[in-house]
Amino acid sequence: MKVSAACVVEYDSIDDLYVLYGKGGQDVTISDLPKPVLHIGEGSNLLFTGDFPGTLLHSGIRFIRQVFPGSADASGLTADRESQERGASVFYEVGAGVPMDEFCAWAAAKDLWGPENLSHIPGEAGASAVQNVGAYGVEAKDIIYSVNCFDTVLCRTVSFRSEECGYGYRESLFKTDRKGRYIITSVVFRLSEFSGPVLGYGHLKSAVEAAAGQGGVTPSLVRDTIIGIRREKLPDVSELGSAGSFFKNPVVPRSAYEKVLSIARLEHGEGCNVPHFEAGSGFVKIPAAWLIEQCGWKGYSEGNAGVYSRQPLVIVNLTGNASPDEIISLENRIMASVKEKFDILLHPEVEHI
């Protein structure tokens, strides 16, 4: 889809933000730019429903450096230089504009555990802290120690510890009650030299063990395995446009899951099992991709838009000429069919602008 914005501004430092928001003594400030103002990352999780009349801000803050937080974390570990030298945890501050996969590759190359399961997810470090991106049993919140921001209201810098960020499934305070107020400038990640892999999701464990053979499991091996899996399932956005996973996996009461199971067994026999994951407190997470595929959408195409043939969670721009209306129409039809068949309402993961 080809849409345009009235103005695009990329800044390279916190000082630039002070200038933009009126503390730098310059003539041009944010008040002089077209409205509304929207801060974006790579835009990989956005659907522009038309031309944007305002200003898009983008971070050009790019660095990775070791830091030594001085306060105690929830487990009682004092995150000081001495503990890092012992290898208990190591902390790295990453500029918001660093591509998240670039950081994952950097950490794996240094044999540091933590972000390897998030490999090959498009987007930037700052956006990962907004969206709480996740894959293969790991979410960004699991490795985020703190988030550094610029407060656009008070025109000052502020830092939030991970537990203050309101993290949930693809949620954070930066998407809800504080949306638009804070611009993330950097994220401090807690990594480890010794923690080891998280392999409890799906067939990841067997895939990693097969790749390892007689050798040991390393962050790089886990990363490479996950990249291979993702490339098999997801389109290369440089060749086939998409916004990645279009819908959130629904988290539903167990009674709703039992209803889905009954419907599936009526259609496919008593031996049919519905993939699901326990979500705590009587709730179950069901893969949206499975629900969509059961409604017959996998590989569907109409006009310039379609559902990816290998992963029904992905809506694709088949020709490069799909209009926003075509994508939204297909989205709504998918949601309606899942609701009709399973009485579950899907919610888009992609933000509509």
Protein backbone atom coordinates (compact mmCIF):
# COMPACT_ATOMS: atom_id res chain seq x y z
CA MET A 1 0.00 0.00 0.00
CA LYS A 2 1.27 3.42 -0.88
CA VAL A 3 0.33 6.12 1.61
CA SER A 4 2.11 9.33 2.52
CA ALA A 5 2.60 11.57 5.54
CA ALA A 6 2.61 15.35 5.59
CA CYS A 7 5.92 15.40 7.46
CA VAL A 8 8.53 12.90 8.67
CA VAL A 9 11.16 13.81 11.29
CA GLU A 10 14.01 11.58 12.45
CA TYR A 11 15.99 12.65 15.51
CA ASP A 12 19.37 11.31 16.64
CA SER A 13 19.59 12.20 20.32
CA ILE A 14 17.70 13.20 23.44
CA ASP A 15 19.01 16.72 22.87
CA ASP A 16 17.10 16.74 19.58
CA LEU A 17 13.92 15.95 21.50
CA TYR A 18 14.54 18.86 23.86
CA VAL A 19 14.84 21.08 20.79
CA LEU A 20 11.68 19.66 19.20
CA TYR A 21 9.67 20.15 22.35
CA GLY A 22 10.73 23.71 22.88
CA LYS A 23 13.68 23.65 25.29
CA GLY A 24 16.49 24.11 22.84
CA GLY A 25 16.06 27.75 21.85
CA GLN A 26 15.37 26.90 18.23
CA ASP A 27 12.73 28.45 15.99
CA VAL A 28 11.04 25.25 14.83
CA THR A 29 9.38 23.10 17.48
CA ILE A 30 6.80 20.35 17.54
CA SER A 31 4.05 22.98 17.72
CA ASP A 32 5.06 24.21 14.27
CA LEU A 33 4.74 20.79 12.61
CA PRO A 34 1.60 19.27 11.03
CA LYS A 35 -0.74 17.54 13.47
CA PRO A 36 -1.35 14.94 14.74
CA VAL A 37 2.12 13.76 15.80
CA LEU A 38 2.75 10.02 15.82
CA HIS A 39 5.93 8.30 16.91
CA ILE A 40 6.69 5.08 15.02
CA GLY A 41 9.41 2.46 14.83
CA GLU A 42 9.91 0.58 11.59
CA GLY A 43 6.14 0.62 11.06
CA SER A 44 6.06 -3.17 10.76
CA ASN A 45 3.01 -3.45 13.01
CA LEU A 46 1.00 -0.56 11.60
CA LEU A 47 -1.78 -0.40 9.04
CA PHE A 48 -2.24 3.09 7.63
CA THR A 49 -5.86 3.35 6.53
CA GLY A 50 -5.06 6.34 4.34
CA ASP A 51 -2.63 9.22 3.94
CA PHE A 52 -1.44 10.58 7.31
CA PRO A 53 -2.10 14.32 7.64
CA GLY A 54 0.37 14.92 10.46
CA THR A 55 3.99 14.34 11.47
CA LEU A 56 5.69 10.98 11.92
CA LEU A 57 8.58 10.92 14.39
CA HIS A 58 11.25 8.23 14.21
CA SER A 59 14.21 7.51 16.47
CA GLY A 60 17.70 7.47 15.03
CA ILE A 61 19.21 6.75 18.48
CA ARG A 62 21.38 3.70 17.86
CA PHE A 63 23.89 2.26 20.29
CA ILE A 64 24.51 -0.81 22.46
CA ARG A 65 26.50 -0.34 25.65
CA GLN A 66 26.94 -2.15 28.94
CA VAL A 67 25.50 -0.42 31.99
CA PHE A 68 25.59 -1.09 35.72
CA PRO A 69 22.27 -0.37 37.41
CA GLY A 70 22.75 0.15 41.11
CA SER A 71 19.43 -0.90 42.65
CA ALA A 72 18.14 -4.31 43.72
CA ASP A 73 15.74 -6.18 41.50
CA ALA A 74 12.65 -8.17 42.53
CA SER A 75 14.70 -11.29 43.21
CA GLY A 76 17.03 -9.41 45.53
CA LEU A 77 19.97 -9.41 43.11
CA THR A 78 22.01 -6.24 43.35
CA ALA A 79 22.72 -5.30 39.78
CA ASP A 80 26.12 -3.73 40.39
CA ARG A 81 29.43 -4.06 38.61
CA GLU A 82 30.62 -6.82 40.95
CA SER A 83 27.61 -9.06 40.28
CA GLN A 84 27.99 -8.55 36.53
CA GLU A 85 31.63 -9.53 36.71
CA ARG A 86 30.50 -12.76 38.43
CA GLY A 87 28.18 -13.38 35.50
CA ALA A 88 24.94 -13.40 37.52
CA SER A 89 23.34 -10.93 35.11
CA VAL A 90 24.67 -8.48 32.58
CA PHE A 91 22.84 -5.34 31.55
CA TYR A 92 22.98 -3.63 28.19
CA GLU A 93 21.33 -0.37 27.22
CA VAL A 94 20.11 -0.36 23.63
CA GLY A 95 19.12 2.77 21.71
CA ALA A 96 15.47 2.81 20.70
CA GLY A 97 16.32 2.97 17.00
CA VAL A 98 18.41 -0.22 16.97
CA PRO A 99 16.62 -2.97 15.01
CA MET A 100 15.62 -5.63 17.54
CA ASP A 101 16.97 -8.45 15.41
CA GLU A 102 20.31 -6.65 15.19
CA PHE A 103 20.46 -6.67 19.00
CA CYS A 104 19.47 -10.37 19.06
CA ALA A 105 22.30 -11.15 16.63
CA TRP A 106 24.75 -9.08 18.68
CA ALA A 107 23.83 -10.86 21.93
CA ALA A 108 24.01 -14.32 20.34
CA ALA A 109 27.44 -13.56 18.90
CA LYS A 110 28.62 -12.76 22.44
CA ASP A 111 27.06 -15.98 23.82
CA LEU A 112 24.62 -14.01 25.95
CA TRP A 113 21.25 -15.59 26.71
CA GLY A 114 17.94 -13.73 26.73
CA PRO A 115 16.77 -12.30 23.39
CA GLU A 116 17.52 -15.29 21.10
CA ASN A 117 13.86 -16.44 20.97
CA LEU A 118 12.89 -12.98 19.69
CA SER A 119 15.16 -13.31 16.65
CA HIS A 120 13.90 -12.30 13.21
CA ILE A 121 10.99 -10.26 14.58
CA PRO A 122 10.79 -7.01 12.62
CA GLY A 123 10.86 -3.74 14.52
CA GLU A 124 13.17 -1.78 16.76
CA ALA A 125 14.26 -2.02 20.39
CA GLY A 126 12.06 0.88 21.47
CA ALA A 127 9.01 -0.63 19.80
CA SER A 128 9.69 -3.98 21.47
CA ALA A 129 9.16 -2.27 24.82
CA VAL A 130 5.92 -0.67 23.62
CA GLN A 131 4.44 -3.80 22.08
CA ASN A 132 5.94 -6.36 24.47
CA VAL A 133 6.81 -8.47 21.46
CA GLY A 134 6.98 -12.18 22.01
CA ALA A 135 7.74 -15.47 20.32
CA TYR A 136 8.45 -19.09 21.25
CA GLY A 137 7.72 -18.72 24.95
CA VAL A 138 9.61 -15.44 25.55
CA GLU A 139 8.27 -11.90 25.72
CA ALA A 140 10.27 -8.68 25.74
CA LYS A 141 9.19 -8.02 29.33
CA ASP A 142 11.06 -11.17 30.41
CA ILE A 143 14.39 -9.52 29.61
CA ILE A 144 13.59 -5.82 30.01
CA TYR A 145 15.11 -4.31 33.15
CA SER A 146 14.06 -0.72 32.56
CA VAL A 147 12.80 1.65 29.87
CA ASN A 148 14.21 5.17 29.44
CA CYS A 149 11.88 7.79 28.02
CA PHE A 150 11.43 11.43 27.14
CA ASP A 151 8.30 12.90 28.74
CA THR A 152 6.74 15.14 26.10
CA VAL A 153 4.44 16.82 28.64
CA LEU A 154 7.03 17.78 31.27
CA CYS A 155 9.91 17.93 28.75
CA ARG A 156 12.28 15.80 30.81
CA THR A 157 13.75 12.32 30.85
CA VAL A 158 12.26 9.57 33.00
CA SER A 159 12.94 5.86 33.56
CA PHE A 160 10.48 3.06 34.30
CA ARG A 161 11.39 -0.30 35.79
CA SER A 162 9.90 -3.27 33.95
CA GLU A 163 7.33 -3.92 36.67
CA GLU A 164 6.08 -0.33 36.28
CA CYS A 165 5.37 -0.70 32.56
CA GLY A 166 2.02 -2.48 32.83
CA TYR A 167 3.13 -5.35 30.65
CA GLY A 168 0.61 -7.90 29.42
CA TYR A 169 0.04 -9.86 26.25
CA ARG A 170 1.08 -7.36 23.55
CA GLU A 171 0.27 -4.56 25.98
CA SER A 172 2.06 -1.90 28.01
CA LEU A 173 1.33 1.47 29.55
CA PHE A 174 2.96 2.98 26.44
CA LYS A 175 0.03 1.65 24.39
CA THR A 176 -2.76 2.46 26.85
CA ASP A 177 -3.10 5.19 29.47
CA ARG A 178 0.26 6.84 28.70
CA LYS A 179 0.05 6.46 24.94
CA GLY A 180 1.70 9.36 23.15
CA ARG A 181 3.16 10.97 26.27
CA TYR A 182 6.45 9.09 26.50
CA ILE A 183 8.98 8.66 23.72
CA ILE A 184 11.22 5.68 24.43
CA THR A 185 14.86 6.65 23.97
CA SER A 186 16.55 3.42 25.11
CA VAL A 187 15.84 0.08 26.76
CA VAL A 188 18.00 -1.70 29.34
CA PHE A 189 17.94 -5.47 28.87
CA ARG A 190 18.98 -8.04 31.45
CA LEU A 191 21.00 -10.82 29.81
CA SER A 192 22.91 -13.80 31.19
CA GLU A 193 26.01 -15.79 30.38
CA PHE A 194 24.62 -18.93 32.03
CA SER A 195 20.81 -19.05 32.07
CA GLY A 196 20.39 -21.36 29.06
CA PRO A 197 17.66 -21.76 26.45
CA VAL A 198 13.88 -21.49 26.74
CA LEU A 199 12.63 -24.36 24.60
CA GLY A 200 9.19 -25.16 25.95
CA TYR A 201 7.17 -23.78 23.05
CA GLY A 202 5.83 -26.22 20.45
CA HIS A 203 8.44 -28.25 18.62
CA LEU A 204 11.27 -25.81 19.31
CA LYS A 205 13.07 -28.19 21.69
CA SER A 206 13.25 -31.04 19.16
CA ALA A 207 14.30 -28.64 16.38
CA VAL A 208 17.12 -27.21 18.49
CA GLU A 209 18.28 -30.65 19.63
CA ALA A 210 18.31 -31.87 16.03
CA ALA A 211 20.36 -28.84 14.98
CA ALA A 212 22.78 -29.29 17.88
CA GLY A 213 23.49 -32.94 17.16
CA GLN A 214 26.33 -33.98 19.44
CA GLY A 215 27.34 -30.40 20.12
CA GLY A 216 26.17 -27.99 22.77
CA VAL A 217 23.22 -25.63 22.61
CA THR A 218 24.29 -22.00 22.28
CA PRO A 219 22.38 -18.73 21.88
CA SER A 220 23.50 -18.63 18.24
CA LEU A 221 22.19 -22.13 17.58
CA VAL A 222 18.80 -21.30 19.12
CA ARG A 223 18.70 -18.05 17.15
CA ASP A 224 19.55 -19.77 13.85
CA THR A 225 16.94 -22.47 14.49
CA ILE A 226 14.23 -19.91 15.20
CA ILE A 227 15.15 -17.90 12.12
CA GLY A 228 14.82 -21.07 10.05
CA ILE A 229 11.38 -21.81 11.51
CA ARG A 230 10.17 -18.26 10.97
CA ARG A 231 11.40 -18.19 7.37
CA GLU A 232 9.46 -21.38 6.66
CA LYS A 233 6.26 -19.89 8.06
CA LEU A 234 6.40 -16.16 7.34
CA PRO A 235 6.88 -14.16 4.14
CA ASP A 236 9.92 -12.00 3.51
CA VAL A 237 8.45 -8.49 3.73
CA SER A 238 10.94 -7.27 1.11
CA GLU A 239 9.27 -9.65 -1.36
CA LEU A 240 5.68 -9.85 -0.11
CA GLY A 241 4.24 -7.04 1.95
CA SER A 242 2.63 -7.83 5.29
CA ALA A 243 2.35 -6.49 8.82
CA GLY A 244 3.42 -9.79 10.36
CA SER A 245 0.99 -11.52 12.70
CA PHE A 246 -2.23 -9.64 12.05
CA PHE A 247 -4.30 -10.96 14.96
CA LYS A 248 -3.64 -11.60 18.64
CA ASN A 249 -4.00 -15.12 19.94
CA PRO A 250 -7.28 -15.03 21.90
CA VAL A 251 -7.12 -15.72 25.62
CA VAL A 252 -10.51 -17.14 26.59
CA PRO A 253 -12.21 -18.79 29.59
CA ARG A 254 -11.84 -22.57 29.70
CA SER A 255 -15.55 -22.90 28.92
CA ALA A 256 -14.99 -21.12 25.59
CA TYR A 257 -12.08 -23.45 24.81
CA GLU A 258 -14.28 -26.47 25.60
CA LYS A 259 -16.86 -25.13 23.15
CA VAL A 260 -14.21 -24.82 20.44
CA LEU A 261 -13.05 -28.37 21.19
CA SER A 262 -16.62 -29.69 20.87
CA ILE A 263 -17.10 -27.94 17.52
CA ALA A 264 -13.78 -29.27 16.22
CA ARG A 265 -14.58 -32.85 17.28
CA LEU A 266 -18.00 -32.73 15.66
CA GLU A 267 -16.29 -31.73 12.42
CA HIS A 268 -13.13 -33.84 12.58
CA GLY A 269 -13.89 -36.68 14.97
CA GLU A 270 -13.31 -37.43 18.64
CA GLY A 271 -9.57 -37.75 18.11
CA CYS A 272 -9.24 -34.09 17.16
CA ASN A 273 -7.32 -31.89 19.57
CA VAL A 274 -7.30 -28.11 19.60
CA PRO A 275 -3.84 -26.58 20.14
CA HIS A 276 -3.86 -24.43 23.27
CA PHE A 277 -1.75 -23.10 26.10
CA GLU A 278 -2.71 -22.62 29.72
CA ALA A 279 -2.97 -18.91 30.50
CA GLY A 280 -3.63 -19.11 34.24
CA SER A 281 -6.70 -18.39 36.40
CA GLY A 282 -9.00 -20.59 34.33
CA PHE A 283 -8.04 -19.06 30.98
CA VAL A 284 -6.66 -20.70 27.84
CA LYS A 285 -4.80 -19.20 24.88
CA ILE A 286 -5.83 -20.61 21.49
CA PRO A 287 -3.68 -19.91 18.40
CA ALA A 288 -5.53 -17.49 16.15
CA ALA A 289 -3.84 -19.13 13.16
CA TRP A 290 -5.59 -22.43 13.95
CA LEU A 291 -8.99 -20.77 14.26
CA ILE A 292 -8.52 -18.89 10.98
CA GLU A 293 -7.36 -22.01 9.16
CA GLN A 294 -10.37 -23.96 10.44
CA CYS A 295 -12.58 -21.33 8.82
CA GLY A 296 -10.96 -22.00 5.44
CA TRP A 297 -8.93 -18.82 5.00
CA LYS A 298 -5.43 -20.24 4.61
CA GLY A 299 -4.17 -19.38 1.12
CA TYR A 300 -7.28 -17.37 0.26
CA SER A 301 -6.86 -14.49 -2.16
CA GLU A 302 -9.14 -11.88 -3.60
CA GLY A 303 -8.04 -8.91 -5.64
CA ASN A 304 -4.77 -7.54 -4.31
CA ALA A 305 -5.04 -8.97 -0.79
CA GLY A 306 -4.85 -12.48 0.61
CA VAL A 307 -4.03 -14.78 3.50
CA TYR A 308 -0.53 -16.22 3.41
CA SER A 309 -0.48 -19.83 2.22
CA ARG A 310 1.97 -20.98 4.92
CA GLN A 311 0.65 -18.99 7.89
CA PRO A 312 -3.01 -17.96 8.07
CA LEU A 313 -2.24 -15.40 10.78
CA VAL A 314 -0.65 -13.18 8.12
CA ILE A 315 -2.60 -10.99 5.71
CA VAL A 316 -0.48 -10.16 2.67
CA ASN A 317 -0.39 -7.50 -0.02
CA LEU A 318 -0.26 -9.93 -2.94
CA THR A 319 0.43 -7.48 -5.74
CA GLY A 320 1.89 -4.55 -3.85
CA ASN A 321 -1.17 -2.55 -4.87
CA ALA A 322 -3.65 -3.53 -2.16
CA SER A 323 -5.63 -0.59 -0.82
CA PRO A 324 -6.29 -0.08 2.89
CA ASP A 325 -9.96 -0.87 2.21
CA GLU A 326 -9.05 -4.26 0.70
CA ILE A 327 -6.97 -5.22 3.74
CA ILE A 328 -9.62 -4.03 6.20
CA SER A 329 -12.40 -5.80 4.32
CA LEU A 330 -10.50 -9.09 4.44
CA GLU A 331 -9.68 -8.54 8.12
CA ASN A 332 -13.35 -8.00 8.98
CA ARG A 333 -14.49 -11.05 7.04
CA ILE A 334 -11.96 -13.26 8.81
CA MET A 335 -13.06 -11.94 12.20
CA ALA A 336 -16.73 -12.45 11.35
CA SER A 337 -16.21 -16.04 10.23
CA VAL A 338 -14.27 -17.01 13.38
CA LYS A 339 -16.96 -15.38 15.51
CA GLU A 340 -19.72 -17.21 13.66
CA LYS A 341 -18.08 -20.63 13.83
CA PHE A 342 -16.44 -20.58 17.26
CA ASP A 343 -18.07 -17.61 19.03
CA ILE A 344 -14.63 -16.09 19.57
CA LEU A 345 -13.90 -12.51 18.58
CA LEU A 346 -10.40 -11.98 17.25
CA HIS A 347 -8.63 -8.69 17.90
CA PRO A 348 -6.03 -7.25 15.53
CA GLU A 349 -2.47 -7.08 16.73
CA VAL A 350 -1.77 -4.59 13.98
CA GLU A 351 -2.51 -0.99 14.98
CA HIS A 352 -4.79 0.86 12.57
CA ILE A 353 -3.80 4.48 11.91
